Amino acid sequence: HLKCEPTLLGALVLNAVEATMAAAEAKRQRLRTVLPREAVRMTVDPVRMSQVLENLLSNAVKYTPEGGAIDVELVEREDSVELSVSDDGIGLAPQDLERIFDLFVQAEPGVGPHQGGLGIGLALTRRLVELHGGTVHARSAGRGRGSTFVLRLPRFGVENG
């Protein structure tokens, strides 16, 4: 059940970055954020959307090695708003790009240290994004080549503020 209200999406992004900053700093990672010039106001459930953003950022920090880089970018498109979280971390094998969103599934072991987790975060992320009418997908050039998670929310309900 969502409790949607007009929300500044950029503020949610900055709060999620702040929530994961200590973990990124502990690993000496560079965390760069790019937001549109004008505020993007969307009707979303701010609590659930914060969960989504923090999960994507926490995963990026977790699976990016010490000294790595993470980029967060919010872009307005004609028909949607798109948020991408990119890293230069362990990456994903092609067969894992879709299945990592399944409940209790994790990417195949073999790259980097075992990170633990229950395989719930990305399944919950996808479900919450879909409840908002959006999509989320992963891209990667393969193991050891980083990954990008792209969250797209439909433009209906978007107001420039």
C-alpha atoms as a PDB file:
ATOM      1  CA  HIS A   1       0.000   0.000   0.000  1.00  0.00           C
ATOM      2  CA  LEU A   2       1.510   3.320  -1.080  1.00  0.00           C
ATOM      3  CA  LYS A   3       0.994   6.669   0.640  1.00  0.00           C
ATOM      4  CA  CYS A   4       1.743   8.959  -2.285  1.00  0.00           C
ATOM      5  CA  GLU A   5       2.227  12.696  -1.970  1.00  0.00           C
ATOM      6  CA  PRO A   6       3.933  15.433  -3.997  1.00  0.00           C
ATOM      7  CA  THR A   7       7.647  14.969  -3.358  1.00  0.00           C
ATOM      8  CA  LEU A   8      10.854  16.578  -4.567  1.00  0.00           C
ATOM      9  CA  LEU A   9      12.651  13.635  -6.122  1.00  0.00           C
ATOM     10  CA  GLY A  10      16.058  15.319  -5.964  1.00  0.00           C
ATOM     11  CA  ALA A  11      15.716  15.700  -2.200  1.00  0.00           C
ATOM     12  CA  LEU A  12      15.053  11.966  -1.877  1.00  0.00           C
ATOM     13  CA  VAL A  13      18.159  11.256  -3.963  1.00  0.00           C
ATOM     14  CA  LEU A  14      20.307  13.546  -1.811  1.00  0.00           C
ATOM     15  CA  ASN A  15      18.955  11.968   1.387  1.00  0.00           C
ATOM     16  CA  ALA A  16      19.768   8.482   0.068  1.00  0.00           C
ATOM     17  CA  VAL A  17      23.281   9.623  -0.868  1.00  0.00           C
ATOM     18  CA  GLU A  18      23.728  11.069   2.613  1.00  0.00           C
ATOM     19  CA  ALA A  19      22.478   7.814   4.194  1.00  0.00           C
ATOM     20  CA  THR A  20      25.136   5.799   2.340  1.00  0.00           C
ATOM     21  CA  MET A  21      27.955   8.360   2.453  1.00  0.00           C
ATOM     22  CA  ALA A  22      29.638   6.977   5.593  1.00  0.00           C
ATOM     23  CA  ALA A  23      29.896   3.494   4.056  1.00  0.00           C
ATOM     24  CA  ALA A  24      31.278   4.971   0.804  1.00  0.00           C
ATOM     25  CA  GLU A  25      33.798   7.118   2.674  1.00  0.00           C
ATOM     26  CA  ALA A  26      34.923   4.093   4.713  1.00  0.00           C
ATOM     27  CA  LYS A  27      35.835   2.421   1.407  1.00  0.00           C
ATOM     28  CA  ARG A  28      37.322   5.668  -0.023  1.00  0.00           C
ATOM     29  CA  GLN A  29      34.793   5.568  -2.862  1.00  0.00           C
ATOM     30  CA  ARG A  30      33.946   8.615  -4.944  1.00  0.00           C
ATOM     31  CA  LEU A  31      30.197   9.247  -4.937  1.00  0.00           C
ATOM     32  CA  ARG A  32      29.051  11.776  -7.553  1.00  0.00           C
ATOM     33  CA  THR A  33      25.493  13.058  -7.869  1.00  0.00           C
ATOM     34  CA  VAL A  34      24.019  14.853 -10.900  1.00  0.00           C
ATOM     35  CA  LEU A  35      20.562  16.424 -10.575  1.00  0.00           C
ATOM     36  CA  PRO A  36      18.535  18.541 -13.015  1.00  0.00           C
ATOM     37  CA  ARG A  37      18.747  22.323 -12.659  1.00  0.00           C
ATOM     38  CA  GLU A  38      15.057  22.573 -11.840  1.00  0.00           C
ATOM     39  CA  ALA A  39      13.451  20.592  -9.058  1.00  0.00           C
ATOM     40  CA  VAL A  40      11.492  17.519 -10.116  1.00  0.00           C
ATOM     41  CA  ARG A  41       8.288  17.167  -8.145  1.00  0.00           C
ATOM     42  CA  MET A  42       6.587  13.787  -8.405  1.00  0.00           C
ATOM     43  CA  THR A  43       3.682  12.157  -6.666  1.00  0.00           C
ATOM     44  CA  VAL A  44       5.306   9.149  -4.975  1.00  0.00           C
ATOM     45  CA  ASP A  45       5.376   7.441  -1.616  1.00  0.00           C
ATOM     46  CA  PRO A  46       8.470   9.177  -0.196  1.00  0.00           C
ATOM     47  CA  VAL A  47       9.169   6.446   2.375  1.00  0.00           C
ATOM     48  CA  ARG A  48       9.043   3.624  -0.168  1.00  0.00           C
ATOM     49  CA  MET A  49      10.947   5.568  -2.826  1.00  0.00           C
ATOM     50  CA  SER A  50      13.638   6.330  -0.221  1.00  0.00           C
ATOM     51  CA  GLN A  51      13.889   2.574   0.437  1.00  0.00           C
ATOM     52  CA  VAL A  52      14.394   1.979  -3.276  1.00  0.00           C
ATOM     53  CA  LEU A  53      17.083   4.634  -3.631  1.00  0.00           C
ATOM     54  CA  GLU A  54      18.952   3.605  -0.485  1.00  0.00           C
ATOM     55  CA  ASN A  55      18.923  -0.038  -1.569  1.00  0.00           C
ATOM     56  CA  LEU A  56      20.370   0.771  -4.987  1.00  0.00           C
ATOM     57  CA  LEU A  57      23.068   2.981  -3.456  1.00  0.00           C
ATOM     58  CA  SER A  58      23.892   0.528  -0.669  1.00  0.00           C
ATOM     59  CA  ASN A  59      24.335  -2.243  -3.240  1.00  0.00           C
ATOM     60  CA  ALA A  60      26.617  -0.022  -5.307  1.00  0.00           C
ATOM     61  CA  VAL A  61      28.762   0.702  -2.250  1.00  0.00           C
ATOM     62  CA  LYS A  62      28.788  -2.955  -1.221  1.00  0.00           C
ATOM     63  CA  TYR A  63      29.818  -4.308  -4.629  1.00  0.00           C
ATOM     64  CA  THR A  64      32.303  -1.568  -5.551  1.00  0.00           C
ATOM     65  CA  PRO A  65      35.884  -2.072  -4.394  1.00  0.00           C
ATOM     66  CA  GLU A  66      37.806   0.283  -2.178  1.00  0.00           C
ATOM     67  CA  GLY A  67      38.676   3.467  -4.082  1.00  0.00           C
ATOM     68  CA  GLY A  68      35.952   2.850  -6.679  1.00  0.00           C
ATOM     69  CA  ALA A  69      33.460   5.281  -8.164  1.00  0.00           C
ATOM     70  CA  ILE A  70      29.674   5.503  -7.985  1.00  0.00           C
ATOM     71  CA  ASP A  71      27.602   7.919 -10.056  1.00  0.00           C
ATOM     72  CA  VAL A  72      23.985   8.820  -9.360  1.00  0.00           C
ATOM     73  CA  GLU A  73      22.128  10.759 -12.037  1.00  0.00           C
ATOM     74  CA  LEU A  74      18.536  11.994 -12.182  1.00  0.00           C
ATOM     75  CA  VAL A  75      17.339  12.989 -15.657  1.00  0.00           C
ATOM     76  CA  GLU A  76      13.984  14.232 -16.919  1.00  0.00           C
ATOM     77  CA  ARG A  77      12.900  12.644 -20.181  1.00  0.00           C
ATOM     78  CA  GLU A  78       9.939  13.632 -22.318  1.00  0.00           C
ATOM     79  CA  ASP A  79       7.735  10.840 -20.982  1.00  0.00           C
ATOM     80  CA  SER A  80       9.556   9.787 -17.804  1.00  0.00           C
ATOM     81  CA  VAL A  81      12.018  10.582 -15.065  1.00  0.00           C
ATOM     82  CA  GLU A  82      15.078   8.354 -14.997  1.00  0.00           C
ATOM     83  CA  LEU A  83      17.477   7.687 -12.153  1.00  0.00           C
ATOM     84  CA  SER A  84      20.656   5.718 -12.777  1.00  0.00           C
ATOM     85  CA  VAL A  85      23.128   4.364 -10.238  1.00  0.00           C
ATOM     86  CA  SER A  86      26.374   3.328 -11.936  1.00  0.00           C
ATOM     87  CA  ASP A  87      29.490   1.855 -10.397  1.00  0.00           C
ATOM     88  CA  ASP A  88      32.831   0.426 -11.449  1.00  0.00           C
ATOM     89  CA  GLY A  89      32.378  -2.565  -9.169  1.00  0.00           C
ATOM     90  CA  ILE A  90      32.229  -6.317  -9.672  1.00  0.00           C
ATOM     91  CA  GLY A  91      29.620  -6.167 -12.443  1.00  0.00           C
ATOM     92  CA  LEU A  92      27.109  -8.805 -13.455  1.00  0.00           C
ATOM     93  CA  ALA A  93      27.231 -11.766 -15.785  1.00  0.00           C
ATOM     94  CA  PRO A  94      24.672 -11.561 -18.619  1.00  0.00           C
ATOM     95  CA  GLN A  95      22.576 -14.382 -17.126  1.00  0.00           C
ATOM     96  CA  ASP A  96      22.233 -12.437 -13.853  1.00  0.00           C
ATOM     97  CA  LEU A  97      20.866  -9.155 -15.267  1.00  0.00           C
ATOM     98  CA  GLU A  98      17.221 -10.200 -14.881  1.00  0.00           C
ATOM     99  CA  ARG A  99      17.331 -12.920 -12.285  1.00  0.00           C
ATOM    100  CA  ILE A 100      18.895 -10.726  -9.589  1.00  0.00           C
ATOM    101  CA  PHE A 101      15.449  -9.123  -9.244  1.00  0.00           C
ATOM    102  CA  ASP A 102      13.899 -12.482  -8.288  1.00  0.00           C
ATOM    103  CA  LEU A 103      13.198 -13.099  -4.619  1.00  0.00           C
ATOM    104  CA  PHE A 104      16.015 -14.892  -2.733  1.00  0.00           C
ATOM    105  CA  VAL A 105      18.331 -14.811  -5.758  1.00  0.00           C
ATOM    106  CA  GLN A 106      21.813 -13.373  -5.759  1.00  0.00           C
ATOM    107  CA  ALA A 107      24.288 -13.004  -8.600  1.00  0.00           C
ATOM    108  CA  GLU A 108      26.472 -16.032  -9.151  1.00  0.00           C
ATOM    109  CA  PRO A 109      29.413 -16.220  -6.747  1.00  0.00           C
ATOM    110  CA  GLY A 110      32.962 -16.046  -7.959  1.00  0.00           C
ATOM    111  CA  VAL A 111      33.705 -12.350  -8.254  1.00  0.00           C
ATOM    112  CA  GLY A 112      34.911 -10.449  -5.231  1.00  0.00           C
ATOM    113  CA  PRO A 113      34.300 -11.391  -1.631  1.00  0.00           C
ATOM    114  CA  HIS A 114      31.021 -13.015  -0.650  1.00  0.00           C
ATOM    115  CA  GLN A 115      28.782 -10.139   0.356  1.00  0.00           C
ATOM    116  CA  GLY A 116      26.000 -11.967   2.170  1.00  0.00           C
ATOM    117  CA  GLY A 117      22.443 -10.730   2.079  1.00  0.00           C
ATOM    118  CA  LEU A 118      19.194 -12.568   1.660  1.00  0.00           C
ATOM    119  CA  GLY A 119      18.394 -11.754  -1.965  1.00  0.00           C
ATOM    120  CA  ILE A 120      15.386  -9.654  -0.982  1.00  0.00           C
ATOM    121  CA  GLY A 121      16.519  -6.065  -1.639  1.00  0.00           C
ATOM    122  CA  LEU A 122      16.334  -5.967  -5.427  1.00  0.00           C
ATOM    123  CA  ALA A 123      13.092  -7.974  -5.521  1.00  0.00           C
ATOM    124  CA  LEU A 124      11.552  -5.446  -3.126  1.00  0.00           C
ATOM    125  CA  THR A 125      13.037  -2.582  -5.137  1.00  0.00           C
ATOM    126  CA  ARG A 126      11.459  -3.834  -8.356  1.00  0.00           C
ATOM    127  CA  ARG A 127       8.065  -4.384  -6.671  1.00  0.00           C
ATOM    128  CA  LEU A 128       8.023  -0.903  -5.133  1.00  0.00           C
ATOM    129  CA  VAL A 129       9.025   0.724  -8.427  1.00  0.00           C
ATOM    130  CA  GLU A 130       6.313  -1.225 -10.261  1.00  0.00           C
ATOM    131  CA  LEU A 131       3.729  -0.102  -7.681  1.00  0.00           C
ATOM    132  CA  HIS A 132       4.682   3.448  -8.690  1.00  0.00           C
ATOM    133  CA  GLY A 133       4.048   2.534 -12.347  1.00  0.00           C
ATOM    134  CA  GLY A 134       7.746   2.400 -13.164  1.00  0.00           C
ATOM    135  CA  THR A 135      10.456  -0.046 -14.178  1.00  0.00           C
ATOM    136  CA  VAL A 136      13.947  -0.910 -12.968  1.00  0.00           C
ATOM    137  CA  HIS A 137      16.573  -2.881 -14.826  1.00  0.00           C
ATOM    138  CA  ALA A 138      20.282  -3.646 -14.655  1.00  0.00           C
ATOM    139  CA  ARG A 139      23.002  -3.261 -17.266  1.00  0.00           C
ATOM    140  CA  SER A 140      26.571  -4.496 -17.126  1.00  0.00           C
ATOM    141  CA  ALA A 141      29.344  -5.159 -19.613  1.00  0.00           C
ATOM    142  CA  GLY A 142      30.122  -8.300 -17.602  1.00  0.00           C
ATOM    143  CA  ARG A 143      31.943  -9.435 -14.521  1.00  0.00           C
ATOM    144  CA  GLY A 144      34.548  -7.027 -13.258  1.00  0.00           C
ATOM    145  CA  ARG A 145      33.184  -4.221 -15.457  1.00  0.00           C
ATOM    146  CA  GLY A 146      30.738  -2.425 -13.172  1.00  0.00           C
ATOM    147  CA  SER A 147      26.993  -2.148 -13.405  1.00  0.00           C
ATOM    148  CA  THR A 148      24.227   0.386 -13.837  1.00  0.00           C
ATOM    149  CA  PHE A 149      20.761   0.182 -12.364  1.00  0.00           C
ATOM    150  CA  VAL A 150      18.185   2.330 -14.139  1.00  0.00           C
ATOM    151  CA  LEU A 151      14.918   3.264 -12.478  1.00  0.00           C
ATOM    152  CA  ARG A 152      12.312   4.866 -14.743  1.00  0.00           C
ATOM    153  CA  LEU A 153       9.121   6.480 -13.447  1.00  0.00           C
ATOM    154  CA  PRO A 154       6.367   7.561 -15.842  1.00  0.00           C
ATOM    155  CA  ARG A 155       5.941  11.266 -16.358  1.00  0.00           C
ATOM    156  CA  PHE A 156       2.295  11.328 -15.267  1.00  0.00           C
ATOM    157  CA  GLY A 157       2.166  13.018 -11.888  1.00  0.00           C
ATOM    158  CA  VAL A 158       5.366  14.958 -12.616  1.00  0.00           C
ATOM    159  CA  GLU A 159       5.264  18.667 -11.911  1.00  0.00           C
ATOM    160  CA  ASN A 160       8.232  20.995 -12.299  1.00  0.00           C
ATOM    161  CA  GLY A 161       8.779  23.019  -9.130  1.00  0.00           C
END
